[in-house]
Amino acid sequence: MPPTTVTRRRVGVSPWAGFDEAAGVPVEAPGHRLPHYSEGVRLTGVDLSPAMLAIARDRARQLGRDVTLRTGDMQALDLPDNAFDTVVCTLSLCGIPDDRRAVAEMVRVLRPGGLLLLADHIEAAVWWARAIQSLIDLATIPLAGERYRRRPIHHVYALGFTIESHRRFAVGIIEQLAAANPDRHPRPSMPASTDEPPRGVLPKVPLGRDLGR
């Protein structure tokens, strides 16, 4: 599982760099996204696996980046409340037993006015792909705890966040979203269907590429 990165100021370069949209498959490895953060950003990475953290630590050393890396459970972060300006979590929620609790923990450590950036495998947008995912889940859930039919965006919205930008690709099985702390923007009204939340304002931080649908 790739480390979840929390930053003490807004990200300066797109954390989505490295996603191969043509193939529809994200490229992910511990420390893979470190080059895409601006030099002034203070980074803290959290992962349950010491082995993955060791790889990320070596990558940071190669890049000359000063990064704090800690072993931890995303469902119970050993971090203070309101500590970070931005939380970035990529391709991790699908493998965390309680994704709702993990999102709540990210929100807890996020400062008022902060930004939450998520990218993950989710339930597909078309029926035949959902059927395939259900079959895959029969093997991946008992073997590795991987669940491919989740929708973390609903947890984010339920916590009162404004969805500033949202994008799905690869028949909808990959989702990227940027969500603002409720102290930053008023919560919009809930649409009749919760499959696609209403759009908020566009991000005021340079995310590097358009995350809109």
N, C-alpha and C. Protein backbone atom coordinates (compact mmCIF):
# COMPACT_ATOMS: atom_id res chain seq x y z
N MET A 1 0.85 -1.19 0.00
CA MET A 1 0.00 0.00 0.00
C MET A 1 0.89 1.25 0.00
N PRO A 2 0.60 2.22 -0.89
CA PRO A 2 1.43 3.41 -0.93
C PRO A 2 1.19 4.28 0.28
N PRO A 3 2.20 4.99 0.77
CA PRO A 3 1.99 5.84 1.93
C PRO A 3 0.99 6.94 1.64
N THR A 4 0.17 7.26 2.61
CA THR A 4 -0.67 8.43 2.52
C THR A 4 0.17 9.63 2.92
N THR A 5 0.09 10.69 2.14
CA THR A 5 0.91 11.87 2.38
C THR A 5 0.05 12.99 2.93
N VAL A 6 0.50 13.59 4.00
CA VAL A 6 -0.15 14.77 4.54
C VAL A 6 0.85 15.91 4.49
N THR A 7 0.42 17.06 4.06
CA THR A 7 1.34 18.17 3.89
C THR A 7 0.97 19.32 4.81
N ARG A 8 1.97 20.08 5.24
CA ARG A 8 1.74 21.18 6.16
C ARG A 8 1.52 22.51 5.44
N ARG A 9 1.43 22.48 4.14
CA ARG A 9 0.98 23.63 3.38
C ARG A 9 0.42 23.10 2.07
N ARG A 10 -0.27 23.94 1.32
CA ARG A 10 -0.90 23.47 0.11
C ARG A 10 0.12 22.89 -0.87
N VAL A 11 -0.28 21.81 -1.56
CA VAL A 11 0.62 21.22 -2.52
C VAL A 11 0.89 22.21 -3.65
N GLY A 12 2.14 22.27 -4.10
CA GLY A 12 2.51 23.22 -5.13
C GLY A 12 2.51 22.63 -6.52
N VAL A 13 2.56 21.30 -6.64
CA VAL A 13 2.57 20.63 -7.92
C VAL A 13 1.60 19.47 -7.84
N SER A 14 1.04 19.07 -8.98
CA SER A 14 0.01 18.04 -8.98
C SER A 14 0.44 16.73 -8.36
N PRO A 15 -0.25 16.26 -7.31
CA PRO A 15 0.02 14.93 -6.78
C PRO A 15 -0.52 13.84 -7.69
N TRP A 16 -1.32 14.22 -8.73
CA TRP A 16 -1.87 13.23 -9.64
C TRP A 16 -0.87 12.84 -10.72
N ALA A 17 0.26 13.53 -10.81
CA ALA A 17 1.25 13.17 -11.82
C ALA A 17 1.66 11.72 -11.63
N GLY A 18 1.76 10.99 -12.74
CA GLY A 18 2.09 9.58 -12.66
C GLY A 18 0.91 8.68 -12.98
N PHE A 19 -0.29 9.26 -13.10
CA PHE A 19 -1.44 8.47 -13.51
C PHE A 19 -1.44 8.36 -15.02
N ASP A 20 -1.40 7.14 -15.52
CA ASP A 20 -1.40 6.90 -16.95
C ASP A 20 -2.83 6.84 -17.44
N GLU A 21 -3.36 7.98 -17.89
CA GLU A 21 -4.76 8.04 -18.28
C GLU A 21 -5.03 7.25 -19.55
N ALA A 22 -4.05 7.19 -20.45
CA ALA A 22 -4.27 6.47 -21.70
C ALA A 22 -4.55 5.00 -21.43
N ALA A 23 -3.76 4.43 -20.52
CA ALA A 23 -3.96 3.03 -20.18
C ALA A 23 -5.02 2.85 -19.12
N GLY A 24 -5.36 3.93 -18.42
CA GLY A 24 -6.35 3.86 -17.37
C GLY A 24 -5.85 3.18 -16.12
N VAL A 25 -4.53 3.11 -15.96
CA VAL A 25 -3.96 2.44 -14.79
C VAL A 25 -3.03 3.39 -14.07
N PRO A 26 -3.25 3.65 -12.79
CA PRO A 26 -2.35 4.52 -12.05
C PRO A 26 -1.00 3.85 -11.83
N VAL A 27 0.06 4.61 -11.96
CA VAL A 27 1.40 4.13 -11.65
C VAL A 27 1.69 4.54 -10.21
N GLU A 28 1.90 3.57 -9.32
CA GLU A 28 2.05 3.89 -7.91
C GLU A 28 3.15 3.04 -7.29
N ALA A 29 3.95 3.67 -6.48
CA ALA A 29 5.00 2.99 -5.73
C ALA A 29 5.36 3.90 -4.57
N PRO A 30 5.88 3.35 -3.47
CA PRO A 30 6.25 4.20 -2.33
C PRO A 30 7.23 5.29 -2.75
N GLY A 31 6.88 6.53 -2.46
CA GLY A 31 7.75 7.65 -2.80
C GLY A 31 7.67 8.10 -4.24
N HIS A 32 6.79 7.45 -5.04
CA HIS A 32 6.72 7.75 -6.47
C HIS A 32 6.36 9.22 -6.73
N ARG A 33 5.53 9.81 -5.88
CA ARG A 33 5.04 11.16 -6.14
C ARG A 33 5.91 12.26 -5.53
N LEU A 34 6.93 11.91 -4.81
CA LEU A 34 7.75 12.92 -4.16
C LEU A 34 8.28 14.00 -5.10
N PRO A 35 8.71 13.66 -6.32
CA PRO A 35 9.23 14.71 -7.19
C PRO A 35 8.18 15.74 -7.61
N HIS A 36 6.90 15.42 -7.41
CA HIS A 36 5.84 16.29 -7.90
C HIS A 36 5.36 17.30 -6.85
N TYR A 37 5.99 17.30 -5.69
CA TYR A 37 5.69 18.32 -4.68
C TYR A 37 6.76 19.39 -4.73
N SER A 38 6.35 20.65 -4.58
CA SER A 38 7.32 21.75 -4.62
C SER A 38 8.26 21.66 -3.42
N GLU A 39 9.43 22.25 -3.58
CA GLU A 39 10.48 22.12 -2.57
C GLU A 39 10.06 22.67 -1.21
N GLY A 40 9.21 23.69 -1.19
CA GLY A 40 8.85 24.32 0.08
C GLY A 40 7.83 23.57 0.90
N VAL A 41 7.24 22.50 0.34
CA VAL A 41 6.20 21.75 1.04
C VAL A 41 6.82 20.81 2.07
N ARG A 42 6.31 20.87 3.30
CA ARG A 42 6.75 19.94 4.35
C ARG A 42 5.84 18.72 4.33
N LEU A 43 6.43 17.55 4.18
CA LEU A 43 5.67 16.33 3.96
C LEU A 43 5.78 15.36 5.13
N THR A 44 4.65 14.73 5.44
CA THR A 44 4.62 13.63 6.39
C THR A 44 3.91 12.46 5.72
N GLY A 45 4.59 11.31 5.64
CA GLY A 45 4.01 10.12 5.02
C GLY A 45 3.68 9.08 6.07
N VAL A 46 2.54 8.41 5.91
CA VAL A 46 2.09 7.39 6.87
C VAL A 46 1.78 6.11 6.11
N ASP A 47 2.31 4.98 6.60
CA ASP A 47 2.00 3.69 6.00
C ASP A 47 2.02 2.62 7.08
N LEU A 48 1.19 1.60 6.91
CA LEU A 48 1.12 0.51 7.88
C LEU A 48 2.33 -0.41 7.76
N SER A 49 2.98 -0.40 6.59
CA SER A 49 4.09 -1.33 6.32
C SER A 49 5.45 -0.66 6.48
N PRO A 50 6.28 -1.11 7.41
CA PRO A 50 7.64 -0.59 7.53
C PRO A 50 8.46 -0.81 6.26
N ALA A 51 8.22 -1.90 5.55
CA ALA A 51 8.94 -2.17 4.31
C ALA A 51 8.64 -1.12 3.25
N MET A 52 7.38 -0.72 3.13
CA MET A 52 7.00 0.31 2.16
C MET A 52 7.60 1.66 2.56
N LEU A 53 7.63 1.93 3.85
CA LEU A 53 8.23 3.18 4.32
C LEU A 53 9.73 3.21 4.05
N ALA A 54 10.38 2.05 4.14
CA ALA A 54 11.81 1.99 3.86
C ALA A 54 12.08 2.34 2.40
N ILE A 55 11.23 1.86 1.50
CA ILE A 55 11.37 2.18 0.07
C ILE A 55 11.17 3.68 -0.14
N ALA A 56 10.12 4.23 0.49
CA ALA A 56 9.85 5.66 0.36
C ALA A 56 10.99 6.50 0.94
N ARG A 57 11.55 6.04 2.06
CA ARG A 57 12.66 6.76 2.69
C ARG A 57 13.89 6.78 1.78
N ASP A 58 14.15 5.66 1.12
CA ASP A 58 15.27 5.59 0.19
C ASP A 58 15.04 6.51 -1.00
N ARG A 59 13.80 6.55 -1.48
CA ARG A 59 13.45 7.44 -2.60
C ARG A 59 13.64 8.89 -2.20
N ALA A 60 13.22 9.25 -1.00
CA ALA A 60 13.39 10.62 -0.52
C ALA A 60 14.87 10.98 -0.41
N ARG A 61 15.66 10.03 0.04
CA ARG A 61 17.10 10.26 0.17
C ARG A 61 17.72 10.51 -1.21
N GLN A 62 17.32 9.74 -2.20
CA GLN A 62 17.83 9.92 -3.56
C GLN A 62 17.48 11.30 -4.11
N LEU A 63 16.30 11.79 -3.75
CA LEU A 63 15.83 13.08 -4.25
C LEU A 63 16.32 14.25 -3.40
N GLY A 64 16.93 13.94 -2.26
CA GLY A 64 17.37 15.00 -1.37
C GLY A 64 16.21 15.71 -0.70
N ARG A 65 15.10 15.00 -0.48
CA ARG A 65 13.92 15.59 0.14
C ARG A 65 13.88 15.24 1.62
N ASP A 66 13.55 16.22 2.43
CA ASP A 66 13.39 16.02 3.87
C ASP A 66 11.93 15.67 4.14
N VAL A 67 11.65 14.39 4.37
CA VAL A 67 10.29 13.91 4.54
C VAL A 67 10.18 13.14 5.85
N THR A 68 9.14 13.43 6.61
CA THR A 68 8.87 12.66 7.83
C THR A 68 8.03 11.46 7.47
N LEU A 69 8.53 10.25 7.75
CA LEU A 69 7.81 9.02 7.43
C LEU A 69 7.55 8.25 8.71
N ARG A 70 6.27 7.85 8.90
CA ARG A 70 5.88 7.19 10.14
C ARG A 70 5.03 5.97 9.86
N THR A 71 5.25 4.94 10.69
CA THR A 71 4.38 3.77 10.64
C THR A 71 3.07 4.12 11.34
N GLY A 72 1.95 3.80 10.69
CA GLY A 72 0.67 4.14 11.30
C GLY A 72 -0.50 3.52 10.58
N ASP A 73 -1.62 3.50 11.26
CA ASP A 73 -2.88 2.96 10.74
C ASP A 73 -3.77 4.13 10.35
N MET A 74 -4.19 4.17 9.10
CA MET A 74 -5.04 5.27 8.64
C MET A 74 -6.38 5.32 9.36
N GLN A 75 -6.77 4.24 10.00
CA GLN A 75 -8.03 4.23 10.74
C GLN A 75 -7.89 4.83 12.13
N ALA A 76 -6.65 5.07 12.55
CA ALA A 76 -6.39 5.65 13.87
C ALA A 76 -5.04 6.36 13.80
N LEU A 77 -4.99 7.50 13.16
CA LEU A 77 -3.74 8.22 12.96
C LEU A 77 -3.19 8.77 14.26
N ASP A 78 -1.92 8.54 14.49
CA ASP A 78 -1.24 9.08 15.66
C ASP A 78 -0.71 10.47 15.32
N LEU A 79 -1.65 11.36 14.99
CA LEU A 79 -1.32 12.72 14.59
C LEU A 79 -2.33 13.66 15.26
N PRO A 80 -1.93 14.90 15.55
CA PRO A 80 -2.83 15.82 16.24
C PRO A 80 -3.95 16.34 15.34
N ASP A 81 -5.00 16.82 15.95
CA ASP A 81 -6.10 17.44 15.22
C ASP A 81 -5.61 18.71 14.52
N ASN A 82 -6.25 19.02 13.39
CA ASN A 82 -6.04 20.30 12.70
C ASN A 82 -4.56 20.60 12.46
N ALA A 83 -3.80 19.59 12.03
CA ALA A 83 -2.36 19.75 11.93
C ALA A 83 -1.85 20.03 10.52
N PHE A 84 -2.66 19.72 9.48
CA PHE A 84 -2.14 19.77 8.12
C PHE A 84 -3.05 20.58 7.20
N ASP A 85 -2.41 21.26 6.25
CA ASP A 85 -3.15 22.05 5.27
C ASP A 85 -3.76 21.20 4.18
N THR A 86 -3.11 20.09 3.84
CA THR A 86 -3.56 19.22 2.76
C THR A 86 -3.32 17.77 3.13
N VAL A 87 -4.27 16.91 2.79
CA VAL A 87 -4.09 15.47 2.95
C VAL A 87 -4.26 14.83 1.57
N VAL A 88 -3.30 14.00 1.17
CA VAL A 88 -3.34 13.31 -0.12
C VAL A 88 -3.32 11.81 0.14
N CYS A 89 -4.30 11.10 -0.40
CA CYS A 89 -4.37 9.64 -0.22
C CYS A 89 -4.65 9.01 -1.58
N THR A 90 -3.72 8.18 -2.06
CA THR A 90 -3.89 7.57 -3.38
C THR A 90 -3.81 6.05 -3.28
N LEU A 91 -4.80 5.40 -3.88
CA LEU A 91 -4.85 3.94 -4.02
C LEU A 91 -4.63 3.21 -2.70
N SER A 92 -5.24 3.72 -1.66
CA SER A 92 -5.11 3.11 -0.34
C SER A 92 -6.45 2.73 0.27
N LEU A 93 -7.48 3.55 0.06
CA LEU A 93 -8.76 3.30 0.71
C LEU A 93 -9.38 1.97 0.29
N CYS A 94 -9.06 1.51 -0.91
CA CYS A 94 -9.63 0.23 -1.36
C CYS A 94 -9.08 -0.95 -0.55
N GLY A 95 -7.96 -0.75 0.14
CA GLY A 95 -7.36 -1.82 0.91
C GLY A 95 -7.45 -1.64 2.41
N ILE A 96 -8.14 -0.58 2.86
CA ILE A 96 -8.29 -0.32 4.29
C ILE A 96 -9.63 -0.90 4.76
N PRO A 97 -9.64 -1.71 5.82
CA PRO A 97 -10.90 -2.35 6.25
C PRO A 97 -12.07 -1.39 6.41
N ASP A 98 -11.87 -0.28 7.11
CA ASP A 98 -12.94 0.67 7.37
C ASP A 98 -12.60 1.99 6.68
N ASP A 99 -13.00 2.12 5.42
CA ASP A 99 -12.64 3.32 4.66
C ASP A 99 -13.34 4.57 5.19
N ARG A 100 -14.54 4.40 5.73
CA ARG A 100 -15.25 5.55 6.30
C ARG A 100 -14.47 6.14 7.48
N ARG A 101 -13.97 5.26 8.32
CA ARG A 101 -13.19 5.72 9.48
C ARG A 101 -11.88 6.37 9.03
N ALA A 102 -11.25 5.81 7.98
CA ALA A 102 -10.01 6.38 7.47
C ALA A 102 -10.23 7.79 6.94
N VAL A 103 -11.32 7.99 6.21
CA VAL A 103 -11.63 9.33 5.70
C VAL A 103 -11.88 10.29 6.86
N ALA A 104 -12.59 9.82 7.88
CA ALA A 104 -12.85 10.66 9.06
C ALA A 104 -11.55 11.06 9.75
N GLU A 105 -10.57 10.15 9.79
CA GLU A 105 -9.28 10.46 10.39
C GLU A 105 -8.53 11.51 9.56
N MET A 106 -8.59 11.39 8.24
CA MET A 106 -7.97 12.40 7.40
C MET A 106 -8.58 13.78 7.65
N VAL A 107 -9.90 13.79 7.78
CA VAL A 107 -10.59 15.05 8.05
C VAL A 107 -10.19 15.61 9.41
N ARG A 108 -10.02 14.73 10.39
CA ARG A 108 -9.65 15.18 11.74
C ARG A 108 -8.32 15.92 11.76
N VAL A 109 -7.33 15.42 11.00
CA VAL A 109 -6.01 16.04 11.05
C VAL A 109 -5.90 17.23 10.10
N LEU A 110 -6.94 17.47 9.31
CA LEU A 110 -6.93 18.57 8.35
C LEU A 110 -7.35 19.87 9.02
N ARG A 111 -6.61 20.92 8.75
CA ARG A 111 -6.93 22.22 9.34
C ARG A 111 -8.20 22.82 8.72
N PRO A 112 -8.88 23.71 9.43
CA PRO A 112 -9.99 24.45 8.82
C PRO A 112 -9.50 25.17 7.57
N GLY A 113 -10.26 25.04 6.49
CA GLY A 113 -9.83 25.62 5.23
C GLY A 113 -8.90 24.73 4.45
N GLY A 114 -8.65 23.51 4.92
CA GLY A 114 -7.71 22.61 4.26
C GLY A 114 -8.32 21.91 3.06
N LEU A 115 -7.46 21.15 2.38
CA LEU A 115 -7.86 20.47 1.14
C LEU A 115 -7.59 18.98 1.26
N LEU A 116 -8.57 18.16 0.86
CA LEU A 116 -8.44 16.71 0.85
C LEU A 116 -8.39 16.24 -0.60
N LEU A 117 -7.33 15.51 -0.96
CA LEU A 117 -7.15 14.99 -2.32
C LEU A 117 -7.15 13.46 -2.26
N LEU A 118 -8.08 12.84 -2.98
CA LEU A 118 -8.18 11.38 -2.99
C LEU A 118 -8.15 10.86 -4.43
N ALA A 119 -7.50 9.72 -4.61
CA ALA A 119 -7.55 8.99 -5.88
C ALA A 119 -7.57 7.51 -5.54
N ASP A 120 -8.50 6.77 -6.14
CA ASP A 120 -8.61 5.36 -5.77
C ASP A 120 -9.39 4.56 -6.79
N HIS A 121 -9.30 3.22 -6.64
CA HIS A 121 -10.16 2.31 -7.38
C HIS A 121 -11.56 2.40 -6.76
N ILE A 122 -12.57 2.51 -7.59
CA ILE A 122 -13.94 2.61 -7.08
C ILE A 122 -14.87 1.75 -7.92
N GLU A 123 -16.14 1.74 -7.52
CA GLU A 123 -17.15 1.01 -8.28
C GLU A 123 -17.28 1.60 -9.68
N ALA A 124 -17.26 0.75 -10.69
CA ALA A 124 -17.29 1.19 -12.08
C ALA A 124 -18.59 1.90 -12.42
N ALA A 125 -18.53 2.67 -13.51
CA ALA A 125 -19.69 3.44 -13.95
C ALA A 125 -20.64 2.62 -14.83
N VAL A 126 -20.19 1.48 -15.35
CA VAL A 126 -21.02 0.67 -16.25
C VAL A 126 -21.27 -0.70 -15.61
N TRP A 127 -22.43 -1.27 -15.93
CA TRP A 127 -22.88 -2.48 -15.23
C TRP A 127 -21.95 -3.66 -15.43
N TRP A 128 -21.46 -3.84 -16.68
CA TRP A 128 -20.65 -5.03 -16.92
C TRP A 128 -19.32 -4.98 -16.17
N ALA A 129 -18.77 -3.76 -16.00
CA ALA A 129 -17.53 -3.62 -15.24
C ALA A 129 -17.78 -3.85 -13.75
N ARG A 130 -18.95 -3.41 -13.26
CA ARG A 130 -19.31 -3.67 -11.86
C ARG A 130 -19.45 -5.17 -11.60
N ALA A 131 -20.01 -5.88 -12.58
CA ALA A 131 -20.16 -7.33 -12.44
C ALA A 131 -18.78 -8.00 -12.35
N ILE A 132 -17.85 -7.55 -13.16
CA ILE A 132 -16.49 -8.10 -13.12
C ILE A 132 -15.84 -7.79 -11.78
N GLN A 133 -16.03 -6.55 -11.29
CA GLN A 133 -15.46 -6.17 -10.00
C GLN A 133 -16.02 -7.03 -8.87
N SER A 134 -17.30 -7.35 -8.95
CA SER A 134 -17.90 -8.20 -7.91
C SER A 134 -17.25 -9.57 -7.88
N LEU A 135 -16.95 -10.11 -9.06
CA LEU A 135 -16.27 -11.40 -9.13
C LEU A 135 -14.84 -11.30 -8.60
N ILE A 136 -14.17 -10.22 -8.94
CA ILE A 136 -12.80 -10.02 -8.46
C ILE A 136 -12.79 -9.90 -6.93
N ASP A 137 -13.78 -9.19 -6.40
CA ASP A 137 -13.86 -9.01 -4.94
C ASP A 137 -13.97 -10.34 -4.20
N LEU A 138 -14.58 -11.33 -4.83
CA LEU A 138 -14.72 -12.64 -4.19
C LEU A 138 -13.35 -13.23 -3.84
N ALA A 139 -12.33 -12.86 -4.63
CA ALA A 139 -10.99 -13.36 -4.37
C ALA A 139 -10.15 -12.36 -3.59
N THR A 140 -10.23 -11.08 -3.97
CA THR A 140 -9.32 -10.09 -3.38
C THR A 140 -9.67 -9.73 -1.94
N ILE A 141 -10.94 -9.76 -1.57
CA ILE A 141 -11.31 -9.40 -0.19
C ILE A 141 -10.76 -10.42 0.81
N PRO A 142 -10.99 -11.74 0.62
CA PRO A 142 -10.43 -12.69 1.60
C PRO A 142 -8.92 -12.83 1.51
N LEU A 143 -8.34 -12.65 0.33
CA LEU A 143 -6.90 -12.85 0.17
C LEU A 143 -6.07 -11.64 0.56
N ALA A 144 -6.54 -10.44 0.20
CA ALA A 144 -5.72 -9.25 0.42
C ALA A 144 -6.48 -8.08 1.03
N GLY A 145 -7.79 -8.24 1.28
CA GLY A 145 -8.56 -7.16 1.85
C GLY A 145 -8.84 -6.02 0.88
N GLU A 146 -8.66 -6.28 -0.43
CA GLU A 146 -8.89 -5.25 -1.44
C GLU A 146 -10.35 -5.26 -1.87
N ARG A 147 -10.96 -4.08 -1.87
CA ARG A 147 -12.36 -3.93 -2.25
C ARG A 147 -12.44 -2.91 -3.38
N TYR A 148 -13.04 -3.31 -4.49
CA TYR A 148 -13.03 -2.46 -5.68
C TYR A 148 -14.36 -1.79 -5.97
N ARG A 149 -15.36 -1.95 -5.09
CA ARG A 149 -16.66 -1.35 -5.37
C ARG A 149 -17.06 -0.32 -4.31
N ARG A 150 -16.07 0.36 -3.77
CA ARG A 150 -16.36 1.40 -2.79
C ARG A 150 -16.55 2.75 -3.47
N ARG A 151 -17.14 3.71 -2.74
CA ARG A 151 -17.30 5.08 -3.23
C ARG A 151 -16.94 6.04 -2.09
N PRO A 152 -15.66 6.29 -1.84
CA PRO A 152 -15.26 7.16 -0.74
C PRO A 152 -15.77 8.59 -0.87
N ILE A 153 -16.14 8.99 -2.07
CA ILE A 153 -16.65 10.35 -2.26
C ILE A 153 -17.90 10.58 -1.40
N HIS A 154 -18.68 9.53 -1.16
CA HIS A 154 -19.88 9.68 -0.35
C HIS A 154 -19.53 9.94 1.12
N HIS A 155 -18.46 9.34 1.60
CA HIS A 155 -18.01 9.61 2.97
C HIS A 155 -17.55 11.06 3.09
N VAL A 156 -16.84 11.52 2.08
CA VAL A 156 -16.33 12.90 2.08
C VAL A 156 -17.49 13.88 2.11
N TYR A 157 -18.49 13.64 1.27
CA TYR A 157 -19.63 14.54 1.21
C TYR A 157 -20.44 14.49 2.51
N ALA A 158 -20.58 13.30 3.08
CA ALA A 158 -21.34 13.17 4.32
C ALA A 158 -20.71 13.94 5.47
N LEU A 159 -19.40 14.16 5.40
CA LEU A 159 -18.71 14.92 6.44
C LEU A 159 -18.81 16.43 6.20
N GLY A 160 -19.56 16.83 5.17
CA GLY A 160 -19.82 18.24 4.96
C GLY A 160 -18.86 18.95 4.05
N PHE A 161 -17.95 18.22 3.42
CA PHE A 161 -16.98 18.84 2.53
C PHE A 161 -17.61 19.25 1.20
N THR A 162 -17.07 20.29 0.59
CA THR A 162 -17.46 20.71 -0.74
C THR A 162 -16.56 20.01 -1.75
N ILE A 163 -17.16 19.32 -2.72
CA ILE A 163 -16.38 18.69 -3.78
C ILE A 163 -16.00 19.76 -4.78
N GLU A 164 -14.75 20.17 -4.78
CA GLU A 164 -14.30 21.24 -5.66
C GLU A 164 -14.04 20.75 -7.08
N SER A 165 -13.51 19.56 -7.21
CA SER A 165 -13.29 19.00 -8.53
C SER A 165 -13.35 17.48 -8.44
N HIS A 166 -13.78 16.87 -9.55
CA HIS A 166 -14.06 15.43 -9.52
C HIS A 166 -13.87 14.87 -10.91
N ARG A 167 -13.23 13.70 -10.99
CA ARG A 167 -12.98 13.09 -12.28
C ARG A 167 -12.96 11.57 -12.14
N ARG A 168 -13.58 10.89 -13.12
CA ARG A 168 -13.51 9.43 -13.20
C ARG A 168 -13.03 9.05 -14.59
N PHE A 169 -12.22 8.00 -14.68
CA PHE A 169 -11.81 7.51 -15.99
C PHE A 169 -11.61 6.00 -15.93
N ALA A 170 -11.27 5.39 -17.10
CA ALA A 170 -11.15 3.93 -17.22
C ALA A 170 -12.47 3.27 -16.84
N VAL A 171 -13.54 3.55 -17.60
CA VAL A 171 -14.92 3.11 -17.36
C VAL A 171 -15.36 3.40 -15.93
N GLY A 172 -14.81 4.44 -15.36
CA GLY A 172 -15.22 4.90 -14.05
C GLY A 172 -14.59 4.19 -12.88
N ILE A 173 -13.61 3.32 -13.10
CA ILE A 173 -13.05 2.55 -11.97
C ILE A 173 -11.94 3.30 -11.24
N ILE A 174 -11.48 4.42 -11.81
CA ILE A 174 -10.50 5.27 -11.13
C ILE A 174 -11.15 6.63 -10.90
N GLU A 175 -11.05 7.11 -9.68
CA GLU A 175 -11.65 8.40 -9.33
C GLU A 175 -10.62 9.30 -8.68
N GLN A 176 -10.62 10.57 -9.08
CA GLN A 176 -9.81 11.60 -8.44
C GLN A 176 -10.75 12.69 -7.96
N LEU A 177 -10.53 13.19 -6.76
CA LEU A 177 -11.36 14.28 -6.28
C LEU A 177 -10.56 15.20 -5.37
N ALA A 178 -10.97 16.45 -5.37
CA ALA A 178 -10.44 17.45 -4.45
C ALA A 178 -11.61 18.00 -3.67
N ALA A 179 -11.51 18.00 -2.34
CA ALA A 179 -12.62 18.43 -1.49
C ALA A 179 -12.13 19.45 -0.48
N ALA A 180 -12.93 20.51 -0.28
CA ALA A 180 -12.57 21.59 0.62
C ALA A 180 -13.24 21.41 1.97
N ASN A 181 -12.50 21.76 3.02
CA ASN A 181 -13.03 21.77 4.37
C ASN A 181 -14.30 22.61 4.43
N PRO A 182 -15.32 22.17 5.18
CA PRO A 182 -16.58 22.92 5.21
C PRO A 182 -16.43 24.34 5.72
N ASP A 183 -15.36 24.63 6.46
CA ASP A 183 -15.14 26.00 6.93
C ASP A 183 -14.73 26.93 5.81
N ARG A 184 -14.40 26.33 4.66
CA ARG A 184 -13.94 27.13 3.54
C ARG A 184 -15.08 27.55 2.62
N HIS A 185 -16.02 26.65 2.37
CA HIS A 185 -17.15 26.94 1.50
C HIS A 185 -18.41 26.38 2.13
N PRO A 186 -19.58 27.02 1.93
CA PRO A 186 -20.83 26.44 2.42
C PRO A 186 -21.16 25.16 1.69
N ARG A 187 -21.80 24.24 2.41
CA ARG A 187 -22.17 22.96 1.81
C ARG A 187 -23.33 23.16 0.84
N PRO A 188 -23.21 22.66 -0.41
CA PRO A 188 -24.32 22.76 -1.36
C PRO A 188 -25.40 21.76 -1.01
N SER A 189 -26.59 21.94 -1.60
CA SER A 189 -27.69 21.02 -1.35
C SER A 189 -27.39 19.68 -2.00
N MET A 190 -27.89 18.60 -1.40
CA MET A 190 -27.64 17.26 -1.90
C MET A 190 -28.51 17.00 -3.12
N PRO A 191 -27.94 16.45 -4.20
CA PRO A 191 -28.75 16.15 -5.38
C PRO A 191 -29.64 14.96 -5.14
N ALA A 192 -30.63 14.76 -6.02
CA ALA A 192 -31.54 13.63 -5.88
C ALA A 192 -30.78 12.32 -5.96
N SER A 193 -29.79 12.23 -6.86
CA SER A 193 -28.95 11.04 -6.97
C SER A 193 -27.59 11.36 -6.38
N THR A 194 -27.07 10.44 -5.55
CA THR A 194 -25.77 10.69 -4.92
C THR A 194 -24.61 10.12 -5.74
N ASP A 195 -24.90 9.61 -6.95
CA ASP A 195 -23.82 9.03 -7.75
C ASP A 195 -22.80 10.09 -8.16
N GLU A 196 -23.25 11.27 -8.48
CA GLU A 196 -22.35 12.36 -8.82
C GLU A 196 -22.72 13.58 -7.98
N PRO A 197 -21.89 14.02 -7.06
CA PRO A 197 -22.22 15.16 -6.22
C PRO A 197 -22.17 16.45 -7.01
N PRO A 198 -22.84 17.51 -6.52
CA PRO A 198 -22.78 18.79 -7.23
C PRO A 198 -21.38 19.35 -7.20
N ARG A 199 -21.06 20.12 -8.22
CA ARG A 199 -19.74 20.72 -8.27
C ARG A 199 -19.69 21.95 -7.38
N GLY A 200 -18.57 22.14 -6.74
CA GLY A 200 -18.33 23.38 -6.02
C GLY A 200 -17.51 24.29 -6.91
N VAL A 201 -16.81 25.23 -6.33
CA VAL A 201 -15.96 26.10 -7.11
C VAL A 201 -14.71 25.34 -7.51
N LEU A 202 -14.05 25.81 -8.55
CA LEU A 202 -12.82 25.17 -8.98
C LEU A 202 -11.72 25.42 -7.98
N PRO A 203 -10.75 24.53 -7.91
CA PRO A 203 -9.67 24.69 -6.92
C PRO A 203 -8.92 26.00 -7.11
N LYS A 204 -8.57 26.63 -6.01
CA LYS A 204 -7.78 27.85 -6.06
C LYS A 204 -6.30 27.57 -5.88
N VAL A 205 -5.95 26.27 -5.78
CA VAL A 205 -4.55 25.88 -5.70
C VAL A 205 -4.17 25.22 -7.01
N PRO A 206 -2.91 25.31 -7.43
CA PRO A 206 -2.51 24.73 -8.71
C PRO A 206 -2.39 23.21 -8.63
N LEU A 207 -3.45 22.50 -9.03
CA LEU A 207 -3.42 21.05 -8.97
C LEU A 207 -2.70 20.43 -10.16
N GLY A 208 -2.35 21.23 -11.16
CA GLY A 208 -1.52 20.72 -12.24
C GLY A 208 -2.30 20.23 -13.46
N ARG A 209 -3.53 19.78 -13.26
CA ARG A 209 -4.35 19.39 -14.39
C ARG A 209 -5.82 19.46 -13.97
N ASP A 210 -6.69 19.61 -14.95
CA ASP A 210 -8.12 19.75 -14.68
C ASP A 210 -8.65 18.44 -14.16
N LEU A 211 -9.24 18.46 -12.96
CA LEU A 211 -9.80 17.26 -12.37
C LEU A 211 -11.29 17.17 -12.58
N GLY A 212 -11.87 18.09 -13.37
CA GLY A 212 -13.29 18.04 -13.61
C GLY A 212 -13.65 16.84 -14.47
N ARG A 213 -14.92 16.51 -14.53
CA ARG A 213 -15.36 15.32 -15.27
C ARG A 213 -15.06 15.50 -16.74
